[in-house]
């Protein structure tokens, strides 16, 4: 009776990969693809943030001068020929919003210092700069 050989001669058709080696290779390829996509996403978010931020503001100080008014000193940095809005809001002692104003900054300067008068419905105890956005 003749013996039947079940596997191929070793080394004749290249080295056969084991199941572990194939799994490791798939994991390495998947990790490399996911890592590249994650890095591309981080770069895209960073680039879009840097290029879209054309105006920024900082509240220097505020003064509650009357029961129905607060004054806010803002310093705004923007492109020289750009324009934008900064939103400020006044808060009462319990944290409720008692006033809000959108101030336009369209001056031909890269840095603008301006005092804004903010009307309130009741006495304010705090004023905050909500944010600035391009016009």
N, C-alpha and C. Protein backbone atom coordinates (compact mmCIF):
# COMPACT_ATOMS: atom_id res chain seq x y z
N UNK A 1 0.82 -1.16 0.00
CA UNK A 1 0.00 0.00 0.00
C UNK A 1 0.87 1.24 0.00
N UNK A 2 0.48 2.18 -0.79
CA UNK A 2 1.30 3.39 -0.89
C UNK A 2 0.79 4.44 0.09
N UNK A 3 1.72 5.20 0.62
CA UNK A 3 1.38 6.27 1.59
C UNK A 3 1.03 7.54 0.84
N UNK A 4 -0.01 8.16 1.28
CA UNK A 4 -0.44 9.42 0.66
C UNK A 4 0.08 10.57 1.51
N UNK A 5 0.74 11.46 0.86
CA UNK A 5 1.30 12.60 1.56
C UNK A 5 0.28 13.73 1.59
N UNK A 6 0.00 14.32 2.78
CA UNK A 6 -1.06 15.32 2.91
C UNK A 6 -0.57 16.76 2.79
N UNK A 7 0.62 17.06 3.18
CA UNK A 7 1.09 18.43 3.10
C UNK A 7 2.16 18.57 2.03
N UNK A 8 2.37 19.81 1.59
CA UNK A 8 3.32 20.09 0.53
C UNK A 8 4.74 19.95 1.04
N UNK A 9 5.66 19.69 0.14
CA UNK A 9 7.05 19.62 0.56
C UNK A 9 7.51 20.97 1.15
N UNK A 10 8.19 20.91 2.27
CA UNK A 10 8.58 22.12 2.98
C UNK A 10 9.63 22.88 2.18
N UNK A 11 9.44 24.21 2.05
CA UNK A 11 10.39 25.05 1.37
C UNK A 11 10.20 25.13 -0.12
N UNK A 12 9.36 24.29 -0.68
CA UNK A 12 9.19 24.28 -2.12
C UNK A 12 8.37 25.46 -2.62
N UNK A 13 7.34 25.85 -1.90
CA UNK A 13 6.45 26.92 -2.34
C UNK A 13 6.54 28.15 -1.42
N UNK A 14 7.62 28.34 -0.79
CA UNK A 14 7.77 29.45 0.14
C UNK A 14 7.37 29.03 1.53
N UNK A 15 7.65 29.86 2.46
CA UNK A 15 7.35 29.53 3.85
C UNK A 15 5.87 29.73 4.13
N UNK A 16 5.25 28.81 4.72
CA UNK A 16 3.83 28.93 5.05
C UNK A 16 3.68 29.74 6.33
N UNK A 17 2.72 30.65 6.33
CA UNK A 17 2.47 31.45 7.52
C UNK A 17 1.54 30.69 8.45
N UNK A 18 1.84 30.85 9.72
CA UNK A 18 0.94 30.24 10.69
C UNK A 18 -0.23 31.19 10.93
N UNK A 19 -1.24 30.73 11.61
CA UNK A 19 -2.42 31.56 11.89
C UNK A 19 -2.04 32.76 12.75
N UNK A 20 -1.11 32.59 13.69
CA UNK A 20 -0.69 33.71 14.53
C UNK A 20 0.03 34.78 13.73
N UNK A 21 0.86 34.37 12.80
CA UNK A 21 1.58 35.35 11.98
C UNK A 21 0.61 36.14 11.10
N UNK A 22 -0.41 35.48 10.55
CA UNK A 22 -1.40 36.18 9.74
C UNK A 22 -2.19 37.18 10.58
N UNK A 23 -2.57 36.78 11.80
CA UNK A 23 -3.31 37.67 12.69
C UNK A 23 -2.44 38.86 13.08
N UNK A 24 -1.18 38.63 13.39
CA UNK A 24 -0.28 39.73 13.73
C UNK A 24 -0.14 40.71 12.58
N UNK A 25 -0.01 40.19 11.37
CA UNK A 25 0.12 41.05 10.20
C UNK A 25 -1.14 41.89 10.00
N UNK A 26 -2.31 41.28 10.14
CA UNK A 26 -3.57 42.04 10.00
C UNK A 26 -3.67 43.13 11.07
N UNK A 27 -3.29 42.81 12.29
CA UNK A 27 -3.34 43.80 13.37
C UNK A 27 -2.38 44.96 13.11
N UNK A 28 -1.20 44.66 12.60
CA UNK A 28 -0.24 45.72 12.29
C UNK A 28 -0.76 46.63 11.19
N UNK A 29 -1.33 46.05 10.15
CA UNK A 29 -1.88 46.85 9.05
C UNK A 29 -3.06 47.69 9.54
N UNK A 30 -3.96 47.08 10.32
CA UNK A 30 -5.11 47.80 10.85
C UNK A 30 -4.66 48.94 11.77
N UNK A 31 -3.70 48.69 12.62
CA UNK A 31 -3.17 49.72 13.52
C UNK A 31 -2.53 50.87 12.75
N UNK A 32 -1.78 50.54 11.70
CA UNK A 32 -1.15 51.59 10.90
C UNK A 32 -2.19 52.45 10.20
N UNK A 33 -3.23 51.83 9.65
CA UNK A 33 -4.29 52.58 8.97
C UNK A 33 -5.04 53.47 9.96
N UNK A 34 -5.44 52.91 11.10
CA UNK A 34 -6.15 53.70 12.10
C UNK A 34 -5.28 54.83 12.67
N UNK A 35 -4.01 54.56 12.90
CA UNK A 35 -3.09 55.60 13.38
C UNK A 35 -2.94 56.73 12.38
N UNK A 36 -2.84 56.40 11.10
CA UNK A 36 -2.73 57.41 10.06
C UNK A 36 -4.00 58.25 9.97
N UNK A 37 -5.16 57.59 10.05
CA UNK A 37 -6.43 58.33 10.03
C UNK A 37 -6.56 59.25 11.25
N UNK A 38 -6.17 58.78 12.41
CA UNK A 38 -6.24 59.60 13.62
C UNK A 38 -5.32 60.80 13.52
N UNK A 39 -4.11 60.60 13.04
CA UNK A 39 -3.17 61.71 12.87
C UNK A 39 -3.70 62.72 11.86
N UNK A 40 -4.27 62.24 10.76
CA UNK A 40 -4.85 63.15 9.76
C UNK A 40 -6.01 63.95 10.35
N UNK A 41 -6.82 63.32 11.18
CA UNK A 41 -7.94 64.02 11.81
C UNK A 41 -7.44 65.11 12.77
N UNK A 42 -6.42 64.82 13.55
CA UNK A 42 -5.86 65.81 14.47
C UNK A 42 -5.28 66.99 13.70
N UNK A 43 -4.56 66.74 12.63
CA UNK A 43 -3.99 67.81 11.80
C UNK A 43 -5.10 68.64 11.18
N UNK A 44 -6.15 68.00 10.70
CA UNK A 44 -7.26 68.73 10.07
C UNK A 44 -7.96 69.62 11.08
N UNK A 45 -8.25 69.11 12.29
CA UNK A 45 -8.89 69.92 13.32
C UNK A 45 -8.01 71.10 13.71
N UNK A 46 -6.73 70.87 13.88
CA UNK A 46 -5.81 71.96 14.24
C UNK A 46 -5.73 73.01 13.16
N UNK A 47 -5.62 72.58 11.92
CA UNK A 47 -5.52 73.52 10.81
C UNK A 47 -6.80 74.34 10.67
N UNK A 48 -7.96 73.70 10.78
CA UNK A 48 -9.20 74.45 10.66
C UNK A 48 -9.38 75.42 11.81
N UNK A 49 -8.92 75.08 13.00
CA UNK A 49 -9.02 76.00 14.14
C UNK A 49 -8.12 77.21 13.94
N UNK A 50 -6.90 76.98 13.49
CA UNK A 50 -5.96 78.09 13.31
C UNK A 50 -6.40 79.01 12.18
N UNK A 51 -6.89 78.46 11.10
CA UNK A 51 -7.26 79.31 9.96
C UNK A 51 -8.60 79.99 10.15
N UNK A 52 -9.49 79.43 10.97
CA UNK A 52 -10.81 80.05 11.12
C UNK A 52 -10.86 81.07 12.25
N UNK A 53 -9.90 81.06 13.16
CA UNK A 53 -9.90 82.01 14.26
C UNK A 53 -9.25 83.30 13.79
N UNK A 54 -10.09 84.28 13.45
CA UNK A 54 -9.56 85.56 12.97
C UNK A 54 -9.81 86.69 13.95
N UNK A 55 -10.56 86.43 15.01
CA UNK A 55 -10.83 87.46 16.00
C UNK A 55 -10.86 86.82 17.39
N UNK A 56 -10.24 87.48 18.34
CA UNK A 56 -10.26 87.01 19.71
C UNK A 56 -10.37 88.21 20.63
N UNK A 57 -10.99 88.02 21.75
CA UNK A 57 -11.20 89.11 22.69
C UNK A 57 -10.84 88.73 24.10
N UNK A 58 -10.58 89.75 24.90
CA UNK A 58 -10.25 89.55 26.30
C UNK A 58 -10.90 90.67 27.09
N UNK A 59 -11.58 90.31 28.18
CA UNK A 59 -12.19 91.31 29.03
C UNK A 59 -11.13 91.79 30.01
N UNK A 60 -10.83 93.09 29.97
CA UNK A 60 -9.83 93.66 30.86
C UNK A 60 -10.45 93.91 32.23
N UNK A 61 -11.59 94.57 32.26
CA UNK A 61 -12.28 94.84 33.52
C UNK A 61 -13.73 95.19 33.24
N UNK A 62 -14.53 95.19 34.29
CA UNK A 62 -15.92 95.63 34.17
C UNK A 62 -16.26 96.46 35.39
N UNK A 63 -17.29 97.30 35.22
CA UNK A 63 -17.73 98.18 36.30
C UNK A 63 -19.25 98.25 36.24
N UNK A 64 -19.88 97.94 37.36
CA UNK A 64 -21.33 98.08 37.45
C UNK A 64 -21.58 99.48 37.98
N UNK A 65 -21.88 100.39 37.07
CA UNK A 65 -22.00 101.80 37.43
C UNK A 65 -23.38 102.20 37.92
N UNK A 66 -24.40 101.44 37.58
CA UNK A 66 -25.77 101.74 38.01
C UNK A 66 -26.55 100.44 38.10
N UNK A 67 -27.78 100.54 38.60
CA UNK A 67 -28.60 99.34 38.75
C UNK A 67 -29.04 98.78 37.40
N UNK A 68 -29.01 99.60 36.36
CA UNK A 68 -29.46 99.12 35.05
C UNK A 68 -28.37 99.25 33.98
N UNK A 69 -27.11 99.29 34.39
CA UNK A 69 -26.03 99.45 33.41
C UNK A 69 -24.72 98.87 33.95
N UNK A 70 -23.95 98.28 33.06
CA UNK A 70 -22.60 97.82 33.36
C UNK A 70 -21.70 98.23 32.21
N UNK A 71 -20.47 98.57 32.53
CA UNK A 71 -19.49 98.95 31.50
C UNK A 71 -18.40 97.88 31.48
N UNK A 72 -18.04 97.51 30.25
CA UNK A 72 -17.07 96.45 30.05
C UNK A 72 -15.93 96.98 29.18
N UNK A 73 -14.68 96.77 29.63
CA UNK A 73 -13.50 97.16 28.85
C UNK A 73 -13.00 95.91 28.15
N UNK A 74 -13.07 95.91 26.82
CA UNK A 74 -12.63 94.77 26.01
C UNK A 74 -11.39 95.12 25.21
N UNK A 75 -10.52 94.15 25.06
CA UNK A 75 -9.38 94.25 24.15
C UNK A 75 -9.58 93.17 23.10
N UNK A 76 -9.69 93.57 21.85
CA UNK A 76 -9.99 92.66 20.76
C UNK A 76 -8.81 92.65 19.79
N UNK A 77 -8.40 91.45 19.40
CA UNK A 77 -7.34 91.27 18.40
C UNK A 77 -7.97 90.61 17.17
N UNK A 78 -7.69 91.18 16.01
CA UNK A 78 -8.29 90.70 14.78
C UNK A 78 -7.39 91.07 13.61
N UNK A 79 -7.76 90.63 12.42
CA UNK A 79 -7.06 91.07 11.22
C UNK A 79 -7.33 92.56 11.04
N UNK A 80 -6.36 93.27 10.49
CA UNK A 80 -6.49 94.72 10.35
C UNK A 80 -7.73 95.10 9.54
N UNK A 81 -8.01 94.38 8.48
CA UNK A 81 -9.17 94.73 7.65
C UNK A 81 -10.38 93.85 7.95
N UNK A 82 -10.31 93.03 9.00
CA UNK A 82 -11.42 92.15 9.34
C UNK A 82 -12.41 92.81 10.29
N UNK A 83 -13.55 92.17 10.42
CA UNK A 83 -14.58 92.66 11.34
C UNK A 83 -15.16 91.46 12.08
N UNK A 84 -15.70 91.73 13.26
CA UNK A 84 -16.29 90.66 14.03
C UNK A 84 -17.15 91.17 15.17
N UNK A 85 -17.81 90.24 15.80
CA UNK A 85 -18.68 90.54 16.93
C UNK A 85 -18.14 89.87 18.18
N UNK A 86 -18.26 90.56 19.31
CA UNK A 86 -17.97 89.95 20.60
C UNK A 86 -19.24 90.04 21.44
N UNK A 87 -19.59 88.94 22.08
CA UNK A 87 -20.79 88.88 22.89
C UNK A 87 -20.40 88.92 24.36
N UNK A 88 -21.01 89.86 25.10
CA UNK A 88 -20.81 89.96 26.54
C UNK A 88 -22.17 89.81 27.21
N UNK A 89 -22.13 89.29 28.43
CA UNK A 89 -23.39 89.17 29.16
C UNK A 89 -23.16 89.53 30.61
N UNK A 90 -24.22 90.08 31.22
CA UNK A 90 -24.19 90.47 32.63
C UNK A 90 -24.99 89.45 33.43
N UNK A 91 -24.49 89.13 34.61
CA UNK A 91 -25.12 88.14 35.47
C UNK A 91 -25.49 88.76 36.80
N UNK A 92 -26.62 88.32 37.34
CA UNK A 92 -27.04 88.79 38.66
C UNK A 92 -26.36 87.93 39.73
N UNK A 93 -26.65 88.23 40.98
CA UNK A 93 -26.01 87.53 42.09
C UNK A 93 -26.35 86.04 42.09
N UNK A 94 -27.55 85.68 41.66
CA UNK A 94 -27.95 84.26 41.63
C UNK A 94 -27.52 83.55 40.35
N UNK A 95 -26.81 84.23 39.46
CA UNK A 95 -26.28 83.63 38.23
C UNK A 95 -27.18 83.77 37.03
N UNK A 96 -28.32 84.42 37.18
CA UNK A 96 -29.23 84.61 36.05
C UNK A 96 -28.69 85.71 35.13
N UNK A 97 -28.95 85.56 33.86
CA UNK A 97 -28.52 86.56 32.89
C UNK A 97 -29.47 87.76 32.94
N UNK A 98 -28.90 88.95 33.17
CA UNK A 98 -29.72 90.16 33.24
C UNK A 98 -29.42 91.13 32.11
N UNK A 99 -28.47 90.80 31.25
CA UNK A 99 -28.15 91.64 30.10
C UNK A 99 -27.22 90.93 29.15
N UNK A 100 -27.35 91.26 27.86
CA UNK A 100 -26.51 90.66 26.82
C UNK A 100 -26.35 91.67 25.71
N UNK A 101 -25.15 91.70 25.12
CA UNK A 101 -24.92 92.62 24.01
C UNK A 101 -23.89 92.02 23.06
N UNK A 102 -24.16 92.20 21.75
CA UNK A 102 -23.20 91.86 20.71
C UNK A 102 -22.59 93.15 20.22
N UNK A 103 -21.30 93.30 20.40
CA UNK A 103 -20.61 94.53 19.99
C UNK A 103 -19.84 94.28 18.71
N UNK A 104 -20.01 95.17 17.75
CA UNK A 104 -19.33 95.07 16.46
C UNK A 104 -17.98 95.75 16.53
N UNK A 105 -16.96 95.07 16.01
CA UNK A 105 -15.61 95.63 15.91
C UNK A 105 -15.21 95.59 14.45
N UNK A 106 -15.29 96.74 13.79
CA UNK A 106 -14.93 96.82 12.37
C UNK A 106 -13.91 97.92 12.11
N UNK A 107 -13.20 98.35 13.14
CA UNK A 107 -12.18 99.38 12.98
C UNK A 107 -11.01 98.86 12.15
N UNK A 108 -10.30 99.78 11.56
CA UNK A 108 -9.14 99.45 10.72
C UNK A 108 -7.90 99.36 11.60
N UNK A 109 -7.89 98.40 12.52
CA UNK A 109 -6.76 98.20 13.43
C UNK A 109 -6.70 96.73 13.80
N UNK A 110 -5.51 96.27 14.14
CA UNK A 110 -5.33 94.88 14.52
C UNK A 110 -5.65 94.66 16.00
N UNK A 111 -5.55 95.71 16.81
CA UNK A 111 -5.85 95.61 18.24
C UNK A 111 -6.76 96.77 18.60
N UNK A 112 -7.90 96.47 19.21
CA UNK A 112 -8.88 97.49 19.54
C UNK A 112 -9.19 97.41 21.02
N UNK A 113 -9.05 98.54 21.73
CA UNK A 113 -9.50 98.68 23.12
C UNK A 113 -10.76 99.50 23.11
N UNK A 114 -11.81 98.96 23.70
CA UNK A 114 -13.08 99.69 23.68
C UNK A 114 -13.86 99.40 24.96
N UNK A 115 -14.53 100.44 25.47
CA UNK A 115 -15.41 100.30 26.62
C UNK A 115 -16.84 100.23 26.09
N UNK A 116 -17.55 99.18 26.46
CA UNK A 116 -18.91 98.94 25.97
C UNK A 116 -19.87 99.13 27.13
N UNK A 117 -20.94 99.84 26.88
CA UNK A 117 -21.99 100.02 27.87
C UNK A 117 -23.06 98.95 27.64
N UNK A 118 -23.42 98.27 28.71
CA UNK A 118 -24.34 97.13 28.63
C UNK A 118 -25.55 97.42 29.51
N UNK A 119 -26.73 97.48 28.90
CA UNK A 119 -27.97 97.72 29.66
C UNK A 119 -28.41 96.42 30.32
N UNK A 120 -28.89 96.54 31.56
CA UNK A 120 -29.32 95.36 32.31
C UNK A 120 -30.74 95.55 32.83
N UNK A 121 -31.41 94.42 33.08
CA UNK A 121 -32.77 94.48 33.60
C UNK A 121 -32.80 94.62 35.11
N UNK A 122 -31.73 94.21 35.79
CA UNK A 122 -31.58 94.42 37.23
C UNK A 122 -30.09 94.56 37.52
N UNK A 123 -29.76 94.77 38.78
CA UNK A 123 -28.36 95.01 39.13
C UNK A 123 -27.49 93.79 38.81
N UNK A 124 -26.41 94.02 38.11
CA UNK A 124 -25.47 92.95 37.75
C UNK A 124 -24.37 92.87 38.80
N UNK A 125 -23.91 91.67 39.03
CA UNK A 125 -22.77 91.48 39.95
C UNK A 125 -21.54 90.95 39.21
N UNK A 126 -21.72 90.47 38.01
CA UNK A 126 -20.60 89.95 37.23
C UNK A 126 -20.91 90.15 35.75
N UNK A 127 -19.84 90.28 34.99
CA UNK A 127 -19.95 90.40 33.52
C UNK A 127 -18.95 89.42 32.94
N UNK A 128 -19.35 88.71 31.88
CA UNK A 128 -18.42 87.78 31.24
C UNK A 128 -18.44 87.96 29.73
N UNK A 129 -17.30 87.68 29.15
CA UNK A 129 -17.17 87.66 27.69
C UNK A 129 -17.53 86.26 27.23
N UNK A 130 -18.62 86.16 26.47
CA UNK A 130 -19.08 84.85 26.00
C UNK A 130 -18.16 84.35 24.89
N UNK A 131 -17.82 85.23 23.94
CA UNK A 131 -16.94 84.85 22.85
C UNK A 131 -16.98 85.85 21.74
N UNK A 132 -16.08 85.66 20.78
CA UNK A 132 -15.99 86.53 19.61
C UNK A 132 -16.04 85.68 18.36
N UNK A 133 -16.63 86.22 17.31
CA UNK A 133 -16.72 85.49 16.05
C UNK A 133 -16.61 86.47 14.89
N UNK A 134 -16.11 86.02 13.75
CA UNK A 134 -15.99 86.88 12.59
C UNK A 134 -17.35 87.30 12.06
N UNK A 135 -17.38 88.49 11.48
CA UNK A 135 -18.65 89.00 10.91
C UNK A 135 -18.88 88.42 9.55
